[in-house]
Amino acid sequence: MNKVCLDTDSLIALFRNNPDAVKRAEKYDSMNAEISTTSINAFKIYFGAFKSRNAAKNVKKADDLFNSIRVLELTLESSKKSG
């Protein structure tokens, strides 16, 4: 199985319905790839969503996005392994 971990820029592009990002996401979906991101990236997206003018709408969009992909947790042990 293919695995894809989306960075913050990719998530923002998806969040904004950027055509290139949507096309890449559709490609990953057609490949049955496991799509994920990190909890740090989720934090960044939620931070922006809560600070935005349409917070309720954007938080809901973030919820929907993160409920549709895997969010990798950053633990002390995973931090150590990555270091």
N, C-alpha and C. Protein backbone atom coordinates (compact mmCIF):
# COMPACT_ATOMS: atom_id res chain seq x y z
N MET A 1 0.85 -1.18 0.00
CA MET A 1 0.00 0.00 0.00
C MET A 1 0.89 1.24 0.00
N ASN A 2 0.53 2.21 -0.81
CA ASN A 2 1.23 3.49 -0.83
C ASN A 2 0.79 4.34 0.35
N LYS A 3 1.74 5.08 0.88
CA LYS A 3 1.45 5.98 2.00
C LYS A 3 1.88 7.38 1.63
N VAL A 4 1.05 8.35 1.99
CA VAL A 4 1.33 9.75 1.71
C VAL A 4 1.10 10.54 2.98
N CYS A 5 2.10 11.33 3.37
CA CYS A 5 1.97 12.20 4.54
C CYS A 5 1.97 13.64 4.04
N LEU A 6 0.84 14.31 4.20
CA LEU A 6 0.67 15.67 3.70
C LEU A 6 1.28 16.69 4.65
N ASP A 7 2.00 17.65 4.08
CA ASP A 7 2.56 18.73 4.88
C ASP A 7 1.54 19.87 5.00
N THR A 8 1.90 20.89 5.74
CA THR A 8 0.98 22.00 5.98
C THR A 8 0.57 22.69 4.68
N ASP A 9 1.51 22.92 3.78
CA ASP A 9 1.18 23.58 2.52
C ASP A 9 0.16 22.79 1.72
N SER A 10 0.32 21.47 1.69
CA SER A 10 -0.63 20.62 0.97
C SER A 10 -2.01 20.67 1.61
N LEU A 11 -2.04 20.65 2.94
CA LEU A 11 -3.33 20.72 3.64
C LEU A 11 -4.04 22.05 3.39
N ILE A 12 -3.28 23.13 3.42
CA ILE A 12 -3.87 24.45 3.16
C ILE A 12 -4.42 24.50 1.73
N ALA A 13 -3.67 23.97 0.79
CA ALA A 13 -4.13 23.95 -0.60
C ALA A 13 -5.42 23.14 -0.74
N LEU A 14 -5.51 22.01 -0.07
CA LEU A 14 -6.74 21.22 -0.08
C LEU A 14 -7.88 21.99 0.59
N PHE A 15 -7.56 22.60 1.71
CA PHE A 15 -8.53 23.37 2.47
C PHE A 15 -9.15 24.47 1.60
N ARG A 16 -8.33 25.03 0.72
CA ARG A 16 -8.77 26.13 -0.16
C ARG A 16 -9.27 25.64 -1.51
N ASN A 17 -9.39 24.32 -1.65
CA ASN A 17 -9.84 23.70 -2.90
C ASN A 17 -8.99 24.08 -4.10
N ASN A 18 -7.69 24.15 -3.88
CA ASN A 18 -6.76 24.42 -4.97
C ASN A 18 -6.87 23.28 -5.99
N PRO A 19 -7.10 23.60 -7.28
CA PRO A 19 -7.31 22.54 -8.27
C PRO A 19 -6.18 21.52 -8.35
N ASP A 20 -4.92 21.97 -8.27
CA ASP A 20 -3.80 21.02 -8.32
C ASP A 20 -3.79 20.10 -7.11
N ALA A 21 -4.08 20.66 -5.94
CA ALA A 21 -4.11 19.85 -4.73
C ALA A 21 -5.25 18.85 -4.76
N VAL A 22 -6.40 19.29 -5.25
CA VAL A 22 -7.54 18.38 -5.36
C VAL A 22 -7.23 17.25 -6.33
N LYS A 23 -6.58 17.60 -7.44
CA LYS A 23 -6.21 16.58 -8.43
C LYS A 23 -5.24 15.56 -7.84
N ARG A 24 -4.24 16.04 -7.06
CA ARG A 24 -3.30 15.12 -6.40
C ARG A 24 -4.03 14.23 -5.41
N ALA A 25 -4.97 14.81 -4.65
CA ALA A 25 -5.72 14.02 -3.67
C ALA A 25 -6.55 12.94 -4.38
N GLU A 26 -7.14 13.29 -5.49
CA GLU A 26 -7.91 12.30 -6.26
C GLU A 26 -7.00 11.19 -6.78
N LYS A 27 -5.77 11.56 -7.18
CA LYS A 27 -4.80 10.56 -7.63
C LYS A 27 -4.46 9.61 -6.49
N TYR A 28 -4.18 10.17 -5.31
CA TYR A 28 -3.88 9.34 -4.15
C TYR A 28 -5.04 8.41 -3.82
N ASP A 29 -6.25 8.95 -3.93
CA ASP A 29 -7.44 8.16 -3.64
C ASP A 29 -7.57 7.01 -4.64
N SER A 30 -7.31 7.28 -5.92
CA SER A 30 -7.42 6.23 -6.93
C SER A 30 -6.35 5.15 -6.75
N MET A 31 -5.24 5.52 -6.10
CA MET A 31 -4.18 4.55 -5.81
C MET A 31 -4.44 3.80 -4.50
N ASN A 32 -5.55 4.13 -3.83
CA ASN A 32 -5.86 3.57 -2.52
C ASN A 32 -4.74 3.84 -1.52
N ALA A 33 -4.12 5.00 -1.64
CA ALA A 33 -3.04 5.37 -0.73
C ALA A 33 -3.59 5.70 0.65
N GLU A 34 -2.81 5.37 1.66
CA GLU A 34 -3.14 5.77 3.02
C GLU A 34 -2.65 7.21 3.19
N ILE A 35 -3.57 8.14 3.34
CA ILE A 35 -3.22 9.55 3.45
C ILE A 35 -3.20 9.94 4.92
N SER A 36 -2.12 10.63 5.30
CA SER A 36 -1.96 11.02 6.69
C SER A 36 -1.34 12.41 6.76
N THR A 37 -1.28 12.92 7.96
CA THR A 37 -0.54 14.13 8.28
C THR A 37 -0.11 14.00 9.73
N THR A 38 0.57 14.99 10.23
CA THR A 38 1.02 14.93 11.61
C THR A 38 0.13 15.78 12.51
N SER A 39 0.20 15.51 13.78
CA SER A 39 -0.57 16.31 14.74
C SER A 39 -0.08 17.75 14.77
N ILE A 40 1.18 17.98 14.45
CA ILE A 40 1.70 19.35 14.38
C ILE A 40 1.04 20.10 13.23
N ASN A 41 0.91 19.43 12.07
CA ASN A 41 0.23 20.06 10.94
C ASN A 41 -1.24 20.32 11.26
N ALA A 42 -1.88 19.39 11.95
CA ALA A 42 -3.27 19.59 12.35
C ALA A 42 -3.38 20.81 13.27
N PHE A 43 -2.44 20.95 14.18
CA PHE A 43 -2.42 22.13 15.06
C PHE A 43 -2.37 23.41 14.24
N LYS A 44 -1.49 23.46 13.25
CA LYS A 44 -1.35 24.66 12.43
C LYS A 44 -2.65 24.99 11.69
N ILE A 45 -3.30 23.97 11.17
CA ILE A 45 -4.56 24.20 10.44
C ILE A 45 -5.64 24.69 11.40
N TYR A 46 -5.77 24.03 12.55
CA TYR A 46 -6.78 24.47 13.54
C TYR A 46 -6.47 25.88 14.06
N PHE A 47 -5.21 26.18 14.27
CA PHE A 47 -4.83 27.51 14.73
C PHE A 47 -5.33 28.57 13.76
N GLY A 48 -5.07 28.34 12.47
CA GLY A 48 -5.53 29.27 11.45
C GLY A 48 -7.04 29.33 11.36
N ALA A 49 -7.68 28.16 11.48
CA ALA A 49 -9.15 28.10 11.39
C ALA A 49 -9.80 28.89 12.52
N PHE A 50 -9.30 28.72 13.74
CA PHE A 50 -9.89 29.43 14.88
C PHE A 50 -9.63 30.93 14.82
N LYS A 51 -8.54 31.34 14.17
CA LYS A 51 -8.21 32.76 14.06
C LYS A 51 -8.89 33.43 12.86
N SER A 52 -9.50 32.66 12.00
CA SER A 52 -10.07 33.21 10.77
C SER A 52 -11.39 33.94 11.03
N ARG A 53 -11.82 34.70 10.03
CA ARG A 53 -13.08 35.44 10.14
C ARG A 53 -14.29 34.52 10.20
N ASN A 54 -14.20 33.38 9.53
CA ASN A 54 -15.29 32.40 9.52
C ASN A 54 -14.88 31.17 10.32
N ALA A 55 -14.58 31.41 11.59
CA ALA A 55 -14.02 30.35 12.43
C ALA A 55 -14.89 29.10 12.47
N ALA A 56 -16.16 29.24 12.72
CA ALA A 56 -17.02 28.06 12.84
C ALA A 56 -17.00 27.23 11.56
N LYS A 57 -17.10 27.89 10.43
CA LYS A 57 -17.09 27.20 9.14
C LYS A 57 -15.73 26.52 8.89
N ASN A 58 -14.65 27.23 9.19
CA ASN A 58 -13.32 26.69 8.92
C ASN A 58 -12.92 25.59 9.89
N VAL A 59 -13.35 25.68 11.12
CA VAL A 59 -13.10 24.59 12.08
C VAL A 59 -13.85 23.34 11.63
N LYS A 60 -15.07 23.51 11.15
CA LYS A 60 -15.85 22.37 10.64
C LYS A 60 -15.14 21.74 9.44
N LYS A 61 -14.61 22.58 8.53
CA LYS A 61 -13.86 22.05 7.39
C LYS A 61 -12.63 21.28 7.85
N ALA A 62 -11.95 21.82 8.86
CA ALA A 62 -10.77 21.13 9.41
C ALA A 62 -11.18 19.80 10.04
N ASP A 63 -12.26 19.81 10.80
CA ASP A 63 -12.77 18.56 11.39
C ASP A 63 -13.03 17.51 10.31
N ASP A 64 -13.72 17.94 9.25
CA ASP A 64 -14.05 17.01 8.17
C ASP A 64 -12.78 16.46 7.52
N LEU A 65 -11.82 17.34 7.27
CA LEU A 65 -10.57 16.92 6.65
C LEU A 65 -9.83 15.91 7.53
N PHE A 66 -9.68 16.24 8.82
CA PHE A 66 -8.91 15.36 9.69
C PHE A 66 -9.65 14.07 10.06
N ASN A 67 -10.96 14.07 9.92
CA ASN A 67 -11.71 12.83 10.12
C ASN A 67 -11.62 11.92 8.90
N SER A 68 -11.14 12.45 7.78
CA SER A 68 -11.05 11.65 6.56
C SER A 68 -9.65 11.10 6.31
N ILE A 69 -8.67 11.52 7.10
CA ILE A 69 -7.30 11.03 6.95
C ILE A 69 -6.75 10.61 8.31
N ARG A 70 -5.63 9.97 8.28
CA ARG A 70 -4.99 9.54 9.53
C ARG A 70 -4.10 10.68 10.05
N VAL A 71 -4.21 10.96 11.33
CA VAL A 71 -3.36 11.98 11.96
C VAL A 71 -2.35 11.25 12.83
N LEU A 72 -1.07 11.39 12.46
CA LEU A 72 0.01 10.73 13.18
C LEU A 72 0.36 11.55 14.42
N GLU A 73 0.34 10.90 15.55
CA GLU A 73 0.61 11.58 16.82
C GLU A 73 2.10 11.73 17.04
N LEU A 74 2.48 12.86 17.56
CA LEU A 74 3.88 13.10 17.91
C LEU A 74 4.03 12.84 19.40
N THR A 75 4.69 11.75 19.70
CA THR A 75 4.94 11.39 21.09
C THR A 75 6.42 11.62 21.38
N LEU A 76 6.76 11.53 22.63
CA LEU A 76 8.17 11.66 23.01
C LEU A 76 8.99 10.58 22.32
N GLU A 77 8.46 9.37 22.29
CA GLU A 77 9.19 8.26 21.65
C GLU A 77 9.35 8.47 20.15
N SER A 78 8.30 8.93 19.47
CA SER A 78 8.43 9.17 18.03
C SER A 78 9.37 10.34 17.75
N SER A 79 9.38 11.33 18.64
CA SER A 79 10.32 12.44 18.50
C SER A 79 11.75 11.95 18.61
N LYS A 80 11.98 11.05 19.55
CA LYS A 80 13.32 10.49 19.76
C LYS A 80 13.76 9.69 18.55
N LYS A 81 12.86 8.86 18.00
CA LYS A 81 13.18 8.05 16.83
C LYS A 81 13.48 8.92 15.62
N SER A 82 12.74 10.01 15.48
CA SER A 82 12.94 10.91 14.34
C SER A 82 14.25 11.66 14.44
N GLY A 83 14.68 11.92 15.68
CA GLY A 83 15.92 12.66 15.89
C GLY A 83 17.10 11.85 15.50
